[in-house]
Amino acid sequence: MSVFRSGLLVLTAPLSALSLRLVPILASASRIVEDTLYIHLQPGLSLTGSSQPGSTYVPATPEVYSLINKLYADADTHSHLDVRVLLTNIRNQSLTQQSLSSVQNLSHPPEVILTDFQTSDGGQYNPVKQRLERYATSCYSCRPNLISVLLYPDYEPMMDQSELPPWEPGLDGGALRSYSDVVVGGTFDRLHNAHKILLSACCLLAENRLLVGVSDKDLLENKTLKELIQPYEQRVEKLCEFLVDVKPSLRYDIVPLVDPYGPSITDPDLECIVVSEETRKGGVAVNKKRLENGLSELALHEILLVKDLRHGENEEEKISSSSIRQRLLGTLLQPPQKGPAQPSRPYVIGLTGGTGSGKSSIARHLERLGAFLIDVDKLGHEAYAPGGPAYEQVAEEFGEDILNEDGTINRKILGAKVFGNQERLKCLTDIVWPVIAKMTKRQLNEAADQGKVVCVLDVAVLLEAGWTDMVHEVWMASVPEKEALRRIVARDGLSEEAARNRLQSQLSNAQRVKQSHVVLCTLWEPEATQKQVEKAWALLQQRIGQD
């Protein structure tokens, strides 16, 4: 079976049967679709007979809502799938008289249509397949010559659909209460299935408008691996695409959140706020502020957290963006750009990181794994040493008072002369950096002569010095600023203020991440760092093995 980038799965079985069938159905679909999988609940849709099938109306009930939640939770096993459950035919009671949209324009037009519809005819010209293709063309923005796939019997249903009573609208119990205007807030980084459950609840509850606050700036400061959070504009783009796909009839207002409340405490038209188990207190605080502002309280609709069955050590038990960011550690975040004059061997990794980042421990792990390690920071010390290539010029430029009694350069005194003085600092780096670069290139040439496959340059100022032309990839060691401060104070005996000044004189983590291909974090126990490095090394071997 061919693999398609996008697909549409039309589920026709009675909703009472689907819950037991979702796991095998999704497993079958995941082998055919590699990226975006739209799912439309069309219980009772008939693909036999002579009349053209049309969309069925499904009432918004707690049972339907629970099924949608289960669908996203079950789909999380298939991490490559971007699942989107279409809600266009799931209606609140007050909206049941509205006609269903005739054609839905999807952001990723499906290349294949799949269904769980059961038929005994499996031939190439099966009339069910032909009707399914015509149905998809008439209802969705599908590409021409759409391919159809009948998943039955591949998904091995756990019960015979013929034994179940036909599904009819209104048999699932009471409807969900709906509201004109609904509000929700969150970071929405790397939109995942727990986000989609939250947003689907909002779309089912809202009749006219959904106001979405997206966390930004100060609200991101305490997030795990905050530097790996997608830019605000990118998060909003993905959010809009998902919302318009699943329910285009709603009006969506998406605004940046720079405080915990945003417009939720000032907008008089809002009627309901959707929260999770974790953010319920925030919803209560919103209502308190609204009362203080003379506004009515919002109805609180709480959703349950979704367990992450794939969570690892140091990851949250729930599906979360922070866990997804942790899984990015050691992976290739952006493709390396090979310079025209850059030899393919040895393959050079430039390892950089700020003070206290754990860069040296990562370098030792890489050396044990087989990398040829060049300590560029050590070469810098050699350049300053008496008789070294930079010694005379530095001493002449900065005066004899930087020399110790034995003639060596006192780096603390020298550092004090240039710290906070950009002009003097540039004078020093203009002397030293070209010298260190020549020493480094000489060692790289020696490594090439020895047939080394991978070289790692352990160098703190890789980016500042502009030495990226010497490396194929930039790898970055990182820790949050608070942890870096703690380490510097403990290691160097500095005051917290002095340690903070040292950190602020360097590139920030965010600046380094933008220029890095691989990011590693030493925040957790040493074993966690080792696993990250081993993962990064294994992926590197795959990359360079394909050159």
Protein backbone atom coordinates (compact mmCIF):
# COMPACT_ATOMS: atom_id res chain seq x y z
CA MET A 1 0.00 0.00 0.00
CA SER A 2 1.30 3.45 -0.96
CA VAL A 3 1.86 6.10 1.68
CA PHE A 4 0.16 9.48 1.30
CA ARG A 5 0.98 12.78 3.01
CA SER A 6 -2.65 13.61 3.81
CA GLY A 7 -5.82 11.59 4.10
CA LEU A 8 -9.45 11.70 5.15
CA LEU A 9 -10.92 8.93 7.30
CA VAL A 10 -14.72 8.72 7.16
CA LEU A 11 -16.08 6.70 10.08
CA THR A 12 -19.52 5.27 9.32
CA ALA A 13 -20.04 2.77 12.15
CA PRO A 14 -22.52 3.51 14.95
CA LEU A 15 -20.83 5.63 17.59
CA SER A 16 -21.54 2.93 20.18
CA ALA A 17 -19.26 0.60 18.24
CA LEU A 18 -16.46 3.02 17.41
CA SER A 19 -14.94 3.26 20.88
CA LEU A 20 -13.82 -0.38 20.73
CA ARG A 21 -12.61 -0.08 17.14
CA LEU A 22 -10.60 3.13 17.23
CA VAL A 23 -7.26 1.56 18.10
CA PRO A 24 -7.15 -0.93 15.18
CA ILE A 25 -8.72 1.57 12.76
CA LEU A 26 -6.10 4.21 13.60
CA ALA A 27 -3.32 1.64 13.33
CA SER A 28 -4.50 0.73 9.83
CA ALA A 29 -4.81 4.37 8.79
CA SER A 30 -1.36 5.23 10.18
CA ARG A 31 0.23 2.77 7.75
CA ILE A 32 -1.28 4.65 4.82
CA VAL A 33 -1.08 8.32 5.87
CA GLU A 34 2.22 9.81 6.99
CA ASP A 35 1.25 13.33 8.03
CA THR A 36 -2.22 14.95 8.23
CA LEU A 37 -5.18 12.66 8.91
CA TYR A 38 -8.61 14.28 8.91
CA ILE A 39 -11.35 12.27 10.58
CA HIS A 40 -15.05 12.81 10.06
CA LEU A 41 -17.68 11.08 12.16
CA GLN A 42 -20.48 10.08 9.76
CA PRO A 43 -22.39 7.37 11.67
CA GLY A 44 -24.96 5.63 9.52
CA LEU A 45 -23.55 6.96 6.24
CA SER A 46 -24.50 4.46 3.56
CA LEU A 47 -22.17 3.84 0.65
CA THR A 48 -24.49 1.37 -1.03
CA GLY A 49 -27.62 1.97 -3.08
CA SER A 50 -28.27 4.42 -5.88
CA SER A 51 -28.70 7.76 -4.10
CA GLN A 52 -25.76 10.07 -3.46
CA PRO A 53 -24.79 9.91 0.26
CA GLY A 54 -24.76 13.16 2.20
CA SER A 55 -23.33 14.30 5.54
CA THR A 56 -25.20 13.15 8.61
CA TYR A 57 -26.08 15.41 11.53
CA VAL A 58 -24.53 14.42 14.88
CA PRO A 59 -25.73 16.13 18.09
CA ALA A 60 -23.10 17.53 20.46
CA THR A 61 -23.55 15.21 23.43
CA PRO A 62 -21.23 14.18 26.26
CA GLU A 63 -20.89 10.76 24.56
CA VAL A 64 -19.77 12.32 21.27
CA TYR A 65 -17.39 14.61 23.16
CA SER A 66 -15.92 11.60 25.02
CA LEU A 67 -15.47 9.72 21.75
CA ILE A 68 -13.56 12.65 20.24
CA ASN A 69 -11.33 12.78 23.33
CA LYS A 70 -10.65 9.04 23.06
CA LEU A 71 -9.88 9.40 19.38
CA TYR A 72 -7.17 11.99 20.02
CA ALA A 73 -5.81 10.05 23.01
CA ASP A 74 -5.61 6.80 21.01
CA ALA A 75 -4.02 8.63 18.06
CA ASP A 76 -1.15 9.85 20.26
CA THR A 77 0.49 6.45 19.83
CA HIS A 78 1.08 7.35 16.19
CA SER A 79 3.37 10.33 16.72
CA HIS A 80 3.83 11.00 12.99
CA LEU A 81 0.13 11.71 12.49
CA ASP A 82 -1.37 15.18 12.73
CA VAL A 83 -4.94 14.12 13.51
CA ARG A 84 -7.80 16.60 13.08
CA VAL A 85 -11.39 15.60 13.87
CA LEU A 86 -13.79 17.63 11.75
CA LEU A 87 -16.68 19.06 13.76
CA THR A 88 -18.74 20.60 10.95
CA ASN A 89 -21.63 18.15 11.33
CA ILE A 90 -21.58 18.02 15.15
CA ARG A 91 -24.14 20.59 16.24
CA ASN A 92 -25.56 22.06 19.41
CA GLN A 93 -29.35 22.04 19.76
CA SER A 94 -29.62 25.74 19.01
CA LEU A 95 -27.84 25.21 15.70
CA THR A 96 -29.56 22.07 14.44
CA GLN A 97 -31.66 23.97 11.92
CA GLN A 98 -28.60 25.27 10.08
CA SER A 99 -27.70 23.50 6.87
CA LEU A 100 -24.47 21.55 6.73
CA SER A 101 -21.68 23.03 4.62
CA SER A 102 -21.71 21.58 1.12
CA VAL A 103 -17.96 21.64 0.53
CA GLN A 104 -15.29 21.99 3.21
CA ASN A 105 -11.96 23.49 2.17
CA LEU A 106 -9.19 21.78 4.09
CA SER A 107 -5.72 23.27 4.51
CA HIS A 108 -4.12 19.99 3.39
CA PRO A 109 -6.38 18.58 0.64
CA PRO A 110 -6.57 14.81 1.18
CA GLU A 111 -4.69 12.60 -1.25
CA VAL A 112 -6.51 9.46 -0.12
CA ILE A 113 -9.89 8.76 1.48
CA LEU A 114 -10.31 5.89 3.92
CA THR A 115 -13.37 4.41 5.58
CA ASP A 116 -14.35 1.76 8.08
CA PHE A 117 -17.46 0.95 6.01
CA GLN A 118 -17.90 -2.81 5.79
CA THR A 119 -18.53 -4.51 2.48
CA SER A 120 -17.98 -8.01 1.18
CA ASP A 121 -16.96 -6.77 -2.27
CA GLY A 122 -13.23 -6.09 -2.31
CA GLY A 123 -12.70 -5.79 -6.06
CA GLN A 124 -10.81 -2.98 -7.73
CA TYR A 125 -14.03 -1.51 -9.17
CA ASN A 126 -16.00 -1.93 -5.98
CA PRO A 127 -19.06 0.35 -6.26
CA VAL A 128 -18.58 1.30 -2.59
CA LYS A 129 -15.15 2.72 -3.38
CA GLN A 130 -16.50 4.63 -6.34
CA ARG A 131 -19.31 6.13 -4.26
CA LEU A 132 -16.81 7.00 -1.52
CA GLU A 133 -14.66 8.85 -4.04
CA ARG A 134 -17.65 10.77 -5.41
CA TYR A 135 -18.80 11.57 -1.89
CA ALA A 136 -15.36 12.92 -0.92
CA THR A 137 -15.13 15.06 -4.06
CA SER A 138 -18.55 16.59 -3.39
CA CYS A 139 -17.99 17.24 0.35
CA TYR A 140 -14.31 18.11 0.78
CA SER A 141 -11.58 19.99 -1.07
CA CYS A 142 -9.94 16.82 -2.35
CA ARG A 143 -7.43 16.50 -5.16
CA PRO A 144 -8.64 15.09 -8.50
CA ASN A 145 -8.47 11.33 -9.09
CA LEU A 146 -8.69 10.67 -5.36
CA ILE A 147 -7.67 7.19 -4.24
CA SER A 148 -10.03 5.35 -1.88
CA VAL A 149 -9.17 2.64 0.64
CA LEU A 150 -11.60 0.38 2.49
CA LEU A 151 -9.91 -0.41 5.80
CA TYR A 152 -12.31 -3.26 6.57
CA PRO A 153 -11.37 -6.05 7.21
CA ASP A 154 -7.75 -4.91 7.81
CA TYR A 155 -8.63 -3.22 11.08
CA GLU A 156 -10.14 -6.44 12.48
CA PRO A 157 -13.27 -5.05 14.12
CA MET A 158 -14.04 -6.50 17.52
CA MET A 159 -17.70 -6.95 16.72
CA ASP A 160 -19.91 -7.33 13.69
CA GLN A 161 -21.44 -4.03 12.67
CA SER A 162 -24.55 -5.85 11.41
CA GLU A 163 -25.32 -6.96 14.96
CA LEU A 164 -25.63 -3.35 16.17
CA PRO A 165 -28.83 -1.30 15.91
CA PRO A 166 -28.63 1.56 13.39
CA TRP A 167 -27.43 4.85 14.87
CA GLU A 168 -29.88 7.73 14.88
CA PRO A 169 -29.37 11.34 15.95
CA GLY A 170 -30.49 12.08 19.48
CA LEU A 171 -29.99 8.61 20.96
CA ASP A 172 -26.84 9.54 22.89
CA GLY A 173 -28.53 11.38 25.74
CA GLY A 174 -28.63 15.08 26.61
CA ALA A 175 -26.78 17.68 24.56
CA LEU A 176 -23.83 19.71 25.74
CA ARG A 177 -24.73 23.21 26.82
CA SER A 178 -23.55 25.80 24.32
CA TYR A 179 -22.47 29.42 24.71
CA SER A 180 -22.30 32.31 22.31
CA ASP A 181 -18.71 33.35 23.14
CA VAL A 182 -16.09 31.06 24.69
CA VAL A 183 -12.55 31.86 25.87
CA VAL A 184 -9.48 29.68 26.41
CA GLY A 185 -5.79 30.35 27.00
CA GLY A 186 -2.53 28.45 26.67
CA THR A 187 0.95 28.35 25.19
CA PHE A 188 -0.08 26.04 22.33
CA ASP A 189 3.53 25.15 21.52
CA ARG A 190 3.89 22.34 18.96
CA LEU A 191 0.16 21.74 18.80
CA HIS A 192 -0.44 18.23 20.18
CA ASN A 193 -3.39 15.97 20.83
CA ALA A 194 -4.10 17.29 24.34
CA HIS A 195 -4.32 20.79 22.84
CA LYS A 196 -6.68 19.41 20.21
CA ILE A 197 -8.95 17.93 22.87
CA LEU A 198 -9.04 21.31 24.64
CA LEU A 199 -9.73 23.20 21.42
CA SER A 200 -12.35 20.69 20.24
CA ALA A 201 -14.22 21.18 23.52
CA CYS A 202 -14.14 24.94 22.90
CA CYS A 203 -15.45 24.50 19.35
CA LEU A 204 -18.27 22.23 20.50
CA LEU A 205 -19.32 24.68 23.22
CA ALA A 206 -19.07 27.87 21.16
CA GLU A 207 -21.91 29.01 18.93
CA ASN A 208 -20.44 32.19 17.47
CA ARG A 209 -16.95 33.11 18.69
CA LEU A 210 -13.89 31.52 20.28
CA LEU A 211 -11.38 33.89 21.90
CA VAL A 212 -7.95 32.28 22.26
CA GLY A 213 -5.18 33.83 24.35
CA VAL A 214 -1.71 32.61 23.37
CA SER A 215 1.00 32.99 26.03
CA ASP A 216 3.96 35.17 25.11
CA LYS A 217 6.94 37.05 26.58
CA ASP A 218 7.02 36.98 30.42
CA LEU A 219 4.52 34.11 30.61
CA LEU A 220 7.10 31.87 28.90
CA GLU A 221 9.96 32.59 31.30
CA ASN A 222 9.41 29.60 33.60
CA LYS A 223 8.63 27.07 30.88
CA THR A 224 10.89 24.03 30.52
CA LEU A 225 13.33 24.54 27.62
CA LYS A 226 11.71 27.88 26.86
CA GLU A 227 14.26 28.57 24.09
CA LEU A 228 12.78 25.71 22.06
CA ILE A 229 9.24 27.13 22.21
CA GLN A 230 8.08 28.04 18.72
CA PRO A 231 7.83 31.77 17.94
CA TYR A 232 4.45 33.35 18.71
CA GLU A 233 3.63 33.87 15.03
CA GLN A 234 4.32 30.23 14.21
CA ARG A 235 2.15 28.97 17.08
CA VAL A 236 -0.70 31.24 16.01
CA GLU A 237 -0.43 30.08 12.40
CA LYS A 238 -0.72 26.40 13.39
CA LEU A 239 -3.56 27.20 15.78
CA CYS A 240 -5.54 29.08 13.13
CA GLU A 241 -5.02 26.33 10.58
CA PHE A 242 -6.31 23.67 12.96
CA LEU A 243 -9.34 25.67 14.13
CA VAL A 244 -10.46 26.68 10.65
CA ASP A 245 -10.06 23.09 9.50
CA VAL A 246 -12.16 21.53 12.26
CA LYS A 247 -14.91 24.16 12.50
CA PRO A 248 -14.81 26.94 9.88
CA SER A 249 -18.21 28.34 10.88
CA LEU A 250 -16.88 29.94 14.09
CA ARG A 251 -15.29 33.37 14.41
CA TYR A 252 -11.81 33.09 15.92
CA ASP A 253 -10.09 35.92 17.79
CA ILE A 254 -6.50 35.03 18.69
CA VAL A 255 -4.58 37.47 20.89
CA PRO A 256 -1.20 37.45 22.69
CA LEU A 257 -1.26 36.87 26.45
CA VAL A 258 1.37 38.81 28.38
CA ASP A 259 -0.36 38.43 31.76
CA PRO A 260 -2.42 35.56 33.22
CA TYR A 261 -5.79 37.17 32.42
CA GLY A 262 -5.74 38.99 29.09
CA PRO A 263 -9.18 40.02 27.73
CA SER A 264 -10.97 37.30 29.73
CA ILE A 265 -11.53 39.79 32.58
CA THR A 266 -12.65 42.73 30.43
CA ASP A 267 -14.72 41.25 27.58
CA PRO A 268 -18.43 41.53 28.52
CA ASP A 269 -19.61 39.17 25.74
CA LEU A 270 -17.82 36.11 27.07
CA GLU A 271 -19.98 33.42 28.66
CA CYS A 272 -17.71 30.39 29.23
CA ILE A 273 -14.05 29.67 29.91
CA VAL A 274 -12.55 26.26 29.16
CA VAL A 275 -9.87 25.07 31.58
CA SER A 276 -7.98 21.89 32.39
CA GLU A 277 -7.51 20.20 35.75
CA GLU A 278 -4.26 22.18 36.10
CA THR A 279 -5.67 25.58 35.14
CA ARG A 280 -8.97 25.47 37.02
CA LYS A 281 -7.54 27.81 39.68
CA GLY A 282 -6.76 30.26 36.91
CA GLY A 283 -10.39 30.10 35.76
CA VAL A 284 -11.56 30.83 39.29
CA ALA A 285 -9.17 33.80 39.46
CA VAL A 286 -10.57 35.09 36.16
CA ASN A 287 -14.08 35.06 37.60
CA LYS A 288 -12.92 36.90 40.71
CA LYS A 289 -11.40 39.64 38.54
CA ARG A 290 -14.54 39.81 36.37
CA LEU A 291 -16.70 40.39 39.45
CA GLU A 292 -14.31 43.13 40.56
CA ASN A 293 -14.72 44.68 37.11
CA GLY A 294 -18.51 44.54 37.33
CA LEU A 295 -18.86 41.68 34.82
CA SER A 296 -20.75 38.43 35.12
CA GLU A 297 -18.95 35.22 36.04
CA LEU A 298 -18.06 32.76 33.29
CA ALA A 299 -19.21 29.17 33.24
CA LEU A 300 -16.19 26.93 33.89
CA HIS A 301 -15.88 23.92 31.62
CA GLU A 302 -13.08 21.64 32.82
CA ILE A 303 -11.40 18.98 30.72
CA LEU A 304 -9.34 16.09 32.05
CA LEU A 305 -5.63 15.76 31.42
CA VAL A 306 -4.57 13.08 28.93
CA LYS A 307 -1.96 10.55 30.01
CA ASP A 308 1.12 10.23 27.83
CA LEU A 309 1.73 6.51 27.43
CA ARG A 310 5.14 7.24 25.85
CA HIS A 311 6.52 9.57 28.53
CA GLY A 312 10.10 8.98 29.59
CA GLU A 313 12.23 9.93 32.56
CA ASN A 314 12.02 13.60 33.56
CA GLU A 315 8.97 14.00 31.31
CA GLU A 316 5.46 14.78 32.49
CA GLU A 317 2.95 11.95 32.76
CA LYS A 318 0.41 13.97 30.76
CA ILE A 319 0.71 14.82 27.08
CA SER A 320 2.54 18.15 27.16
CA SER A 321 4.57 20.55 25.06
CA SER A 322 7.46 20.43 27.54
CA SER A 323 7.82 16.67 26.99
CA ILE A 324 7.80 17.20 23.23
CA ARG A 325 10.53 19.83 23.59
CA GLN A 326 12.59 17.43 25.69
CA ARG A 327 12.32 14.86 22.91
CA LEU A 328 13.82 17.40 20.53
CA LEU A 329 17.06 17.37 22.51
CA GLY A 330 19.74 15.61 20.49
CA THR A 331 17.75 15.76 17.25
CA LEU A 332 18.52 17.85 14.18
CA LEU A 333 16.53 21.08 14.54
CA GLN A 334 17.54 22.57 11.19
CA PRO A 335 19.44 21.15 8.20
CA PRO A 336 23.17 21.93 8.12
CA GLN A 337 24.42 24.07 5.25
CA LYS A 338 27.61 22.65 3.78
CA GLY A 339 30.05 25.27 2.53
CA PRO A 340 31.52 24.79 -0.96
CA ALA A 341 35.09 24.64 0.38
CA GLN A 342 34.25 22.44 3.35
CA PRO A 343 35.63 18.87 3.13
CA SER A 344 33.21 16.05 3.95
CA ARG A 345 35.81 14.36 6.18
CA PRO A 346 36.37 14.76 8.96
CA TYR A 347 32.82 15.78 9.78
CA VAL A 348 33.22 18.64 12.25
CA ILE A 349 30.89 19.38 15.14
CA GLY A 350 31.26 22.75 16.84
CA LEU A 351 30.21 22.30 20.47
CA THR A 352 29.44 25.56 22.24
CA GLY A 353 27.59 26.78 25.33
CA GLY A 354 27.69 29.41 28.02
CA THR A 355 29.47 29.27 31.36
CA GLY A 356 28.01 26.53 33.55
CA SER A 357 26.18 24.87 30.64
CA GLY A 358 27.90 21.48 31.04
CA LYS A 359 29.67 21.73 27.70
CA SER A 360 32.78 19.94 28.93
CA SER A 361 30.84 16.92 30.19
CA ILE A 362 29.13 16.59 26.80
CA ALA A 363 32.51 16.83 25.07
CA ARG A 364 33.83 13.95 27.20
CA HIS A 365 30.78 11.82 26.33
CA LEU A 366 31.36 12.45 22.62
CA GLU A 367 35.04 11.57 22.94
CA ARG A 368 34.13 8.26 24.59
CA LEU A 369 31.72 7.54 21.73
CA GLY A 370 34.53 7.88 19.21
CA ALA A 371 34.81 11.57 18.32
CA PHE A 372 38.24 13.18 17.95
CA LEU A 373 38.11 16.01 20.50
CA ILE A 374 39.87 19.32 19.94
CA ASP A 375 39.77 21.55 23.02
CA VAL A 376 39.82 24.98 21.40
CA ASP A 377 39.52 26.71 24.76
CA LYS A 378 42.75 24.96 25.75
CA LEU A 379 44.36 26.18 22.51
CA GLY A 380 43.41 29.68 23.65
CA HIS A 381 45.42 29.20 26.83
CA GLU A 382 48.39 28.03 24.74
CA ALA A 383 48.10 31.12 22.56
CA TYR A 384 48.43 33.33 25.70
CA ALA A 385 51.31 31.34 27.21
CA PRO A 386 54.88 32.71 27.12
CA GLY A 387 56.25 31.91 23.69
CA GLY A 388 52.74 31.43 22.37
CA PRO A 389 51.72 33.12 19.09
CA ALA A 390 49.59 35.81 20.80
CA TYR A 391 51.69 36.40 23.93
CA GLU A 392 53.95 39.26 22.83
CA GLN A 393 51.22 41.26 21.10
CA VAL A 394 48.80 40.95 24.05
CA ALA A 395 51.45 41.97 26.57
CA GLU A 396 52.50 44.93 24.45
CA GLU A 397 48.90 46.09 23.90
CA PHE A 398 47.63 45.74 27.47
CA GLY A 399 50.76 46.52 29.50
CA GLU A 400 53.18 44.66 31.73
CA ASP A 401 50.84 44.91 34.71
CA ILE A 402 48.88 41.97 33.27
CA LEU A 403 51.94 39.71 33.76
CA ASN A 404 52.58 37.51 36.77
CA GLU A 405 56.04 37.25 38.34
CA ASP A 406 56.80 34.19 36.21
CA GLY A 407 55.93 36.09 33.03
CA THR A 408 52.58 34.40 32.40
CA ILE A 409 49.55 36.53 31.58
CA ASN A 410 47.20 37.00 34.51
CA ARG A 411 43.88 36.36 32.78
CA LYS A 412 41.88 37.83 35.69
CA ILE A 413 43.67 41.17 35.42
CA LEU A 414 43.39 41.08 31.64
CA GLY A 415 39.71 40.22 31.92
CA ALA A 416 39.08 43.14 34.26
CA LYS A 417 40.62 45.49 31.69
CA VAL A 418 38.29 44.43 28.91
CA PHE A 419 35.13 43.56 30.84
CA GLY A 420 32.38 46.03 29.98
CA ASN A 421 34.65 47.87 27.53
CA GLN A 422 33.62 46.81 24.04
CA GLU A 423 36.45 48.70 22.34
CA ARG A 424 39.20 47.08 24.44
CA LEU A 425 37.51 43.68 24.22
CA LYS A 426 37.47 43.89 20.44
CA CYS A 427 41.11 44.86 20.46
CA LEU A 428 41.90 41.69 22.43
CA THR A 429 39.77 39.37 20.29
CA ASP A 430 41.23 40.85 17.09
CA ILE A 431 44.63 39.70 18.33
CA VAL A 432 43.71 36.33 19.78
CA TRP A 433 40.86 34.88 17.70
CA PRO A 434 42.73 34.71 14.35
CA VAL A 435 45.62 32.99 16.11
CA ILE A 436 43.36 30.39 17.75
CA ALA A 437 41.55 29.80 14.46
CA LYS A 438 44.87 28.96 12.75
CA MET A 439 45.84 26.58 15.57
CA THR A 440 42.43 24.90 15.33
CA LYS A 441 42.63 24.45 11.54
CA ARG A 442 46.09 22.96 11.92
CA GLN A 443 44.69 20.33 14.32
CA LEU A 444 41.77 19.64 11.97
CA ASN A 445 44.23 19.01 9.14
CA GLU A 446 46.15 16.60 11.37
CA ALA A 447 42.90 14.81 12.22
CA ALA A 448 42.12 14.49 8.50
CA ASP A 449 45.59 13.03 7.86
CA GLN A 450 44.91 10.46 10.60
CA GLY A 451 41.63 9.46 8.95
CA LYS A 452 39.38 10.71 11.76
CA VAL A 453 35.68 10.55 10.81
CA VAL A 454 34.15 12.97 13.33
CA CYS A 455 35.88 15.86 15.07
CA VAL A 456 34.37 17.88 17.90
CA LEU A 457 35.58 21.42 18.51
CA ASP A 458 34.94 22.24 22.17
CA VAL A 459 34.79 26.03 21.94
CA ALA A 460 32.86 28.51 24.06
CA VAL A 461 33.11 31.44 21.60
CA LEU A 462 32.34 29.52 18.42
CA LEU A 463 29.47 31.81 17.44
CA GLU A 464 30.94 35.06 18.77
CA ALA A 465 34.18 34.49 16.85
CA GLY A 466 32.35 33.61 13.64
CA TRP A 467 34.01 30.21 13.34
CA THR A 468 30.94 28.40 12.03
CA ASP A 469 32.61 28.13 8.61
CA MET A 470 34.97 25.58 10.20
CA VAL A 471 32.18 23.21 11.26
CA HIS A 472 29.44 21.21 9.58
CA GLU A 473 27.06 21.44 12.52
CA VAL A 474 26.74 23.59 15.64
CA TRP A 475 25.80 21.69 18.81
CA MET A 476 24.83 23.63 21.89
CA ALA A 477 25.00 22.75 25.59
CA SER A 478 22.36 24.52 27.65
CA VAL A 479 20.84 24.90 31.10
CA PRO A 480 18.35 27.46 32.41
CA GLU A 481 19.94 30.68 33.66
CA LYS A 482 19.03 29.94 37.30
CA GLU A 483 20.90 26.61 37.17
CA ALA A 484 23.87 28.19 35.40
CA LEU A 485 24.03 30.85 38.14
CA ARG A 486 23.96 28.20 40.85
CA ARG A 487 26.78 26.25 39.19
CA ILE A 488 29.00 29.29 38.64
CA VAL A 489 28.61 30.46 42.24
CA ALA A 490 29.40 26.97 43.57
CA ARG A 491 32.28 26.31 41.18
CA ASP A 492 34.04 29.68 41.05
CA GLY A 493 33.13 31.14 44.43
CA LEU A 494 31.61 34.24 42.86
CA SER A 495 28.75 36.27 44.24
CA GLU A 496 25.42 35.81 42.52
CA GLU A 497 25.67 39.34 41.10
CA ALA A 498 29.13 38.66 39.64
CA ALA A 499 27.93 35.35 38.19
CA ARG A 500 24.92 37.07 36.62
CA ASN A 501 27.16 39.77 35.11
CA ARG A 502 29.33 37.06 33.60
CA LEU A 503 26.30 35.34 32.04
CA GLN A 504 24.87 38.60 30.72
CA SER A 505 28.15 39.37 28.96
CA GLN A 506 27.71 36.20 26.88
CA LEU A 507 25.22 35.21 24.21
CA SER A 508 21.89 34.11 25.65
CA ASN A 509 20.52 30.60 25.26
CA ALA A 510 17.90 31.92 22.84
CA GLN A 511 20.58 33.53 20.64
CA ARG A 512 22.58 30.30 20.57
CA VAL A 513 19.56 28.12 19.80
CA LYS A 514 18.80 30.16 16.66
CA GLN A 515 22.22 29.27 15.27
CA SER A 516 22.38 25.66 16.49
CA HIS A 517 21.57 22.45 14.66
CA VAL A 518 21.44 20.25 17.77
CA VAL A 519 20.61 21.31 21.34
CA LEU A 520 21.52 19.32 24.46
CA CYS A 521 20.54 20.13 28.05
CA THR A 522 22.44 19.12 31.20
CA LEU A 523 19.73 20.17 33.65
CA TRP A 524 18.93 16.66 34.84
CA GLU A 525 21.03 13.83 36.27
CA PRO A 526 24.25 12.81 34.41
CA GLU A 527 22.58 9.67 33.05
CA ALA A 528 20.00 11.82 31.27
CA THR A 529 22.76 13.87 29.64
CA GLN A 530 24.52 10.70 28.55
CA LYS A 531 21.33 9.37 26.92
CA GLN A 532 20.87 12.65 25.05
CA VAL A 533 24.44 12.54 23.74
CA GLU A 534 24.12 8.90 22.71
CA LYS A 535 20.89 9.72 20.87
CA ALA A 536 22.53 12.70 19.13
CA TRP A 537 25.56 10.58 18.20
CA ALA A 538 23.42 7.76 16.76
CA LEU A 539 21.43 10.23 14.65
CA LEU A 540 24.67 11.86 13.50
CA GLN A 541 25.99 8.48 12.33
CA GLN A 542 22.83 8.05 10.24
CA ARG A 543 23.30 11.50 8.68
CA ILE A 544 26.93 11.20 7.77
CA GLY A 545 26.45 7.62 6.66
CA GLN A 546 24.14 8.92 3.92
CA ASP A 547 26.65 11.44 2.58
